[in-house]
Every structure is written in structure tokens, then in C-alpha cells.
Amino acid sequence: MSDASQKLILVVDDEPDIVTYLTVLLKDKGYKTVSAGNGSEAAEKLKMEKPDLITLDMSMPEMSGVRFYKEIRENDDYKDIPVLVITAVTGFGNNPDDFQKFLATRKQFPPPNGFIAKPLDQELLLAKVKELIG
């Protein structure tokens, strides 16, 4: 089994409370974290260090999560980093399963490795992180 303390997670969200919540939660489980408040900032962080996982909000200023996701999936240096989408933007009558299916049908880029709807389910989030990177 992988050692969580060696795993780095990039937390990308424009809501400071969500960033704080996720970074504290993940650090409490032994992961290292770095955070960004939008896609542009996240792109800069990627240049400095390559995370093992990215948690990504979809709706953000400056560069949306969708655009950031598309850009990293088109970049050979980053395309294999697992991405866990965490968003309140679920559409489809607020049904996260339907929104995830919708994302999976986009031909422009492959679907994310996981999807968690806000408000966050802590146990589901931690289980998905563990599934993706140990």
C-alpha cells in the first residue's frame, strides 16, 4: 500500500472555506497539499511541482475548471494526473450522477477520474482519494 505522506494533492477551488476544509482534511489523513484559487493559479502551481492528484472545482474566475481540465488533458506532462472533480455545478436537476455521465460524453477530453458533488461527503471524498492514489 502507498504511503499517503508521500502523495501531493493540488486543491483547486475559488472558495477559501472549501480550500481550507479540503487541505485540513487531506493533511489529517497524511497527504501533502498545495492549493490554487483558480485555473490560472493552478497552472502556475503545476509548473512548480507535479501533484499525484488534483481536486478541481468547475466554476471559478479567471480560468474555469473545465478549461483548466481540458488544458492539462492536452499536455503530455500532466495528462496522466488523476483529477477528482468537486463542484456544486451539477445541472440536470442537481443530480450528480447525470452530470458525471454528461462530462463522460464530452469528446473534447476524457472524463475525470472521479466526481464529488458539493456539499461534500467527507467519507466518499476520502474513499475516492484513496482509490485513486492510495
C-alpha atoms as a PDB file:
ATOM      1  CA  MET A   1       0.000   0.000   0.000  1.00  0.00           C
ATOM      2  CA  SER A   2       1.184   3.527  -0.802  1.00  0.00           C
ATOM      3  CA  ASP A   3       2.326   5.898   1.897  1.00  0.00           C
ATOM      4  CA  ALA A   4      -0.109   8.845   1.949  1.00  0.00           C
ATOM      5  CA  SER A   5       2.586  11.142   3.366  1.00  0.00           C
ATOM      6  CA  GLN A   6       4.466  10.889   0.087  1.00  0.00           C
ATOM      7  CA  LYS A   7       1.421  11.896  -2.004  1.00  0.00           C
ATOM      8  CA  LEU A   8       0.855  15.515  -3.048  1.00  0.00           C
ATOM      9  CA  ILE A   9      -2.647  16.783  -3.829  1.00  0.00           C
ATOM     10  CA  LEU A  10      -3.330  20.064  -5.645  1.00  0.00           C
ATOM     11  CA  VAL A  11      -6.602  21.519  -4.312  1.00  0.00           C
ATOM     12  CA  VAL A  12      -8.187  23.926  -6.828  1.00  0.00           C
ATOM     13  CA  ASP A  13     -11.236  25.913  -5.712  1.00  0.00           C
ATOM     14  CA  ASP A  14     -12.173  29.605  -5.625  1.00  0.00           C
ATOM     15  CA  GLU A  15     -13.972  29.268  -2.273  1.00  0.00           C
ATOM     16  CA  PRO A  16     -11.410  29.783   0.550  1.00  0.00           C
ATOM     17  CA  ASP A  17     -13.562  27.822   3.018  1.00  0.00           C
ATOM     18  CA  ILE A  18     -13.577  24.793   0.692  1.00  0.00           C
ATOM     19  CA  VAL A  19      -9.809  25.035   0.161  1.00  0.00           C
ATOM     20  CA  THR A  20      -9.250  25.199   3.928  1.00  0.00           C
ATOM     21  CA  TYR A  21     -11.635  22.310   4.573  1.00  0.00           C
ATOM     22  CA  LEU A  22     -10.049  20.078   1.928  1.00  0.00           C
ATOM     23  CA  THR A  23      -6.446  20.876   2.840  1.00  0.00           C
ATOM     24  CA  VAL A  24      -7.046  20.253   6.557  1.00  0.00           C
ATOM     25  CA  LEU A  25      -8.993  17.046   5.854  1.00  0.00           C
ATOM     26  CA  LEU A  26      -6.324  15.701   3.490  1.00  0.00           C
ATOM     27  CA  LYS A  27      -3.422  16.719   5.727  1.00  0.00           C
ATOM     28  CA  ASP A  28      -5.134  14.998   8.665  1.00  0.00           C
ATOM     29  CA  LYS A  29      -5.071  11.813   6.561  1.00  0.00           C
ATOM     30  CA  GLY A  30      -1.350  12.213   5.864  1.00  0.00           C
ATOM     31  CA  TYR A  31      -1.361  13.782   2.415  1.00  0.00           C
ATOM     32  CA  LYS A  32       0.674  16.830   1.442  1.00  0.00           C
ATOM     33  CA  THR A  33      -1.310  19.622  -0.200  1.00  0.00           C
ATOM     34  CA  VAL A  34      -0.825  22.716  -2.288  1.00  0.00           C
ATOM     35  CA  SER A  35      -3.739  24.936  -3.292  1.00  0.00           C
ATOM     36  CA  ALA A  36      -4.877  27.321  -6.009  1.00  0.00           C
ATOM     37  CA  GLY A  37      -7.860  29.682  -6.191  1.00  0.00           C
ATOM     38  CA  ASN A  38      -8.477  29.373  -9.930  1.00  0.00           C
ATOM     39  CA  GLY A  39      -7.308  27.571 -13.053  1.00  0.00           C
ATOM     40  CA  SER A  40      -4.615  30.138 -13.888  1.00  0.00           C
ATOM     41  CA  GLU A  41      -3.060  29.813 -10.442  1.00  0.00           C
ATOM     42  CA  ALA A  42      -3.354  26.024 -10.666  1.00  0.00           C
ATOM     43  CA  ALA A  43      -1.491  26.051 -13.999  1.00  0.00           C
ATOM     44  CA  GLU A  44       1.338  28.003 -12.324  1.00  0.00           C
ATOM     45  CA  LYS A  45       1.463  25.521  -9.418  1.00  0.00           C
ATOM     46  CA  LEU A  46       1.725  22.641 -11.894  1.00  0.00           C
ATOM     47  CA  LYS A  47       4.876  24.203 -13.350  1.00  0.00           C
ATOM     48  CA  MET A  48       6.500  24.177  -9.888  1.00  0.00           C
ATOM     49  CA  GLU A  49       5.554  20.703  -8.703  1.00  0.00           C
ATOM     50  CA  LYS A  50       3.725  17.744 -10.134  1.00  0.00           C
ATOM     51  CA  PRO A  51       0.937  16.546  -7.826  1.00  0.00           C
ATOM     52  CA  ASP A  52      -0.229  12.941  -7.563  1.00  0.00           C
ATOM     53  CA  LEU A  53      -3.872  14.096  -7.683  1.00  0.00           C
ATOM     54  CA  ILE A  54      -5.836  17.253  -8.456  1.00  0.00           C
ATOM     55  CA  THR A  55      -9.163  18.108  -6.812  1.00  0.00           C
ATOM     56  CA  LEU A  56     -10.866  20.550  -9.159  1.00  0.00           C
ATOM     57  CA  ASP A  57     -13.823  22.884  -8.867  1.00  0.00           C
ATOM     58  CA  MET A  58     -15.546  23.551 -12.206  1.00  0.00           C
ATOM     59  CA  SER A  59     -16.864  27.091 -11.708  1.00  0.00           C
ATOM     60  CA  MET A  60     -14.060  29.572 -10.989  1.00  0.00           C
ATOM     61  CA  PRO A  61     -12.963  33.062 -12.103  1.00  0.00           C
ATOM     62  CA  GLU A  62     -10.049  33.795 -14.484  1.00  0.00           C
ATOM     63  CA  MET A  63      -9.832  30.234 -15.827  1.00  0.00           C
ATOM     64  CA  SER A  64     -12.698  27.812 -15.295  1.00  0.00           C
ATOM     65  CA  GLY A  65     -12.146  24.295 -14.070  1.00  0.00           C
ATOM     66  CA  VAL A  66     -13.397  22.982 -17.402  1.00  0.00           C
ATOM     67  CA  ARG A  67     -10.778  24.975 -19.329  1.00  0.00           C
ATOM     68  CA  PHE A  68      -8.003  24.031 -16.873  1.00  0.00           C
ATOM     69  CA  TYR A  69      -9.025  20.366 -17.089  1.00  0.00           C
ATOM     70  CA  LYS A  70      -9.030  20.453 -20.897  1.00  0.00           C
ATOM     71  CA  GLU A  71      -5.581  22.092 -20.941  1.00  0.00           C
ATOM     72  CA  ILE A  72      -3.965  19.545 -18.627  1.00  0.00           C
ATOM     73  CA  ARG A  73      -5.517  16.635 -20.538  1.00  0.00           C
ATOM     74  CA  GLU A  74      -3.924  18.011 -23.735  1.00  0.00           C
ATOM     75  CA  ASN A  75      -0.478  18.368 -22.088  1.00  0.00           C
ATOM     76  CA  ASP A  76       1.758  15.288 -22.138  1.00  0.00           C
ATOM     77  CA  ASP A  77       3.406  16.328 -18.844  1.00  0.00           C
ATOM     78  CA  TYR A  78       0.098  16.416 -16.932  1.00  0.00           C
ATOM     79  CA  LYS A  79      -2.421  14.277 -18.815  1.00  0.00           C
ATOM     80  CA  ASP A  80      -1.941  11.236 -16.574  1.00  0.00           C
ATOM     81  CA  ILE A  81      -2.512  13.047 -13.258  1.00  0.00           C
ATOM     82  CA  PRO A  82      -5.826  11.818 -11.791  1.00  0.00           C
ATOM     83  CA  VAL A  83      -8.458  14.540 -11.458  1.00  0.00           C
ATOM     84  CA  LEU A  84     -11.262  14.446  -8.910  1.00  0.00           C
ATOM     85  CA  VAL A  85     -13.941  16.995  -9.808  1.00  0.00           C
ATOM     86  CA  ILE A  86     -15.565  18.616  -6.767  1.00  0.00           C
ATOM     87  CA  THR A  87     -18.343  21.004  -7.703  1.00  0.00           C
ATOM     88  CA  ALA A  88     -21.747  22.386  -6.872  1.00  0.00           C
ATOM     89  CA  VAL A  89     -22.436  22.842 -10.587  1.00  0.00           C
ATOM     90  CA  THR A  90     -24.215  19.591 -11.299  1.00  0.00           C
ATOM     91  CA  GLY A  91     -27.060  20.754 -13.520  1.00  0.00           C
ATOM     92  CA  PHE A  92     -29.547  18.110 -14.592  1.00  0.00           C
ATOM     93  CA  GLY A  93     -31.905  18.741 -11.672  1.00  0.00           C
ATOM     94  CA  ASN A  94     -28.934  18.748  -9.286  1.00  0.00           C
ATOM     95  CA  ASN A  95     -28.296  15.060  -9.950  1.00  0.00           C
ATOM     96  CA  PRO A  96     -24.521  14.454  -9.718  1.00  0.00           C
ATOM     97  CA  ASP A  97     -24.759  11.078 -11.479  1.00  0.00           C
ATOM     98  CA  ASP A  98     -26.382  12.652 -14.535  1.00  0.00           C
ATOM     99  CA  PHE A  99     -23.802  15.451 -14.586  1.00  0.00           C
ATOM    100  CA  GLN A 100     -20.957  12.932 -14.361  1.00  0.00           C
ATOM    101  CA  LYS A 101     -22.437  10.975 -17.274  1.00  0.00           C
ATOM    102  CA  PHE A 102     -22.686  14.238 -19.217  1.00  0.00           C
ATOM    103  CA  LEU A 103     -18.985  15.002 -18.571  1.00  0.00           C
ATOM    104  CA  ALA A 104     -18.081  11.495 -19.700  1.00  0.00           C
ATOM    105  CA  THR A 105     -19.748  12.100 -23.085  1.00  0.00           C
ATOM    106  CA  ARG A 106     -17.641  15.153 -23.945  1.00  0.00           C
ATOM    107  CA  LYS A 107     -15.474  14.130 -26.874  1.00  0.00           C
ATOM    108  CA  GLN A 108     -13.052  17.042 -26.429  1.00  0.00           C
ATOM    109  CA  PHE A 109     -11.402  15.383 -23.428  1.00  0.00           C
ATOM    110  CA  PRO A 110     -11.557  12.161 -21.404  1.00  0.00           C
ATOM    111  CA  PRO A 111     -13.834  12.067 -18.353  1.00  0.00           C
ATOM    112  CA  PRO A 112     -12.385  12.934 -14.934  1.00  0.00           C
ATOM    113  CA  ASN A 113     -11.197  10.095 -12.697  1.00  0.00           C
ATOM    114  CA  GLY A 114     -13.862  10.891 -10.129  1.00  0.00           C
ATOM    115  CA  PHE A 115     -16.682  13.251  -9.312  1.00  0.00           C
ATOM    116  CA  ILE A 116     -17.926  14.522  -5.940  1.00  0.00           C
ATOM    117  CA  ALA A 117     -20.874  16.926  -5.669  1.00  0.00           C
ATOM    118  CA  LYS A 118     -20.988  19.749  -3.131  1.00  0.00           C
ATOM    119  CA  PRO A 119     -21.925  19.758  -0.337  1.00  0.00           C
ATOM    120  CA  LEU A 120     -19.060  17.349   0.201  1.00  0.00           C
ATOM    121  CA  ASP A 121     -19.478  13.881   1.627  1.00  0.00           C
ATOM    122  CA  GLN A 122     -16.239  13.512   3.619  1.00  0.00           C
ATOM    123  CA  GLU A 123     -16.193   9.698   3.628  1.00  0.00           C
ATOM    124  CA  LEU A 124     -16.922   9.488  -0.105  1.00  0.00           C
ATOM    125  CA  LEU A 125     -14.189  12.023  -0.822  1.00  0.00           C
ATOM    126  CA  LEU A 126     -11.570  10.220   1.250  1.00  0.00           C
ATOM    127  CA  ALA A 127     -12.534   6.845  -0.234  1.00  0.00           C
ATOM    128  CA  LYS A 128     -12.162   8.232  -3.775  1.00  0.00           C
ATOM    129  CA  VAL A 129      -8.778   9.828  -2.973  1.00  0.00           C
ATOM    130  CA  LYS A 130      -7.557   6.542  -1.506  1.00  0.00           C
ATOM    131  CA  GLU A 131      -8.861   4.647  -4.550  1.00  0.00           C
ATOM    132  CA  LEU A 132      -7.042   6.988  -6.948  1.00  0.00           C
ATOM    133  CA  ILE A 133      -3.676   7.431  -5.240  1.00  0.00           C
ATOM    134  CA  GLY A 134      -3.564   5.239  -2.114  1.00  0.00           C
END
